[in-house]
Amino acid sequence: MSELVKVIAASLVDHPESVEVREVEGSQSIIIELKVAPEDMGKVIGKQGRIAKAIRTVVKAAATKENKRVVVEIIQ
């Protein structure tokens, strides 16, 4: 899951080397923390959060195979 988020985020930003993804796994859910450069924050979130919502939707669809709940958090 985290590799998927990293590939998507790196393709959106101007500084792909600064993309950091951390995965915290619990018993029922996985939390994926995405961190990008401050100037790239708007590109990952998008207008009215549309890109962030799309990223969450894609990851959620991929997670259904594992029967896990995935939460994507974008951290400043």
Foldseek 3Di string as FASTA:
>chain_A
DQVLLLVVLLVQFPCSVQWDWDWDDDDAAIEIEIEGPPVRVCSCQDVVRPNVVVSLVVVQVVCVVVNHHYHYHYDD
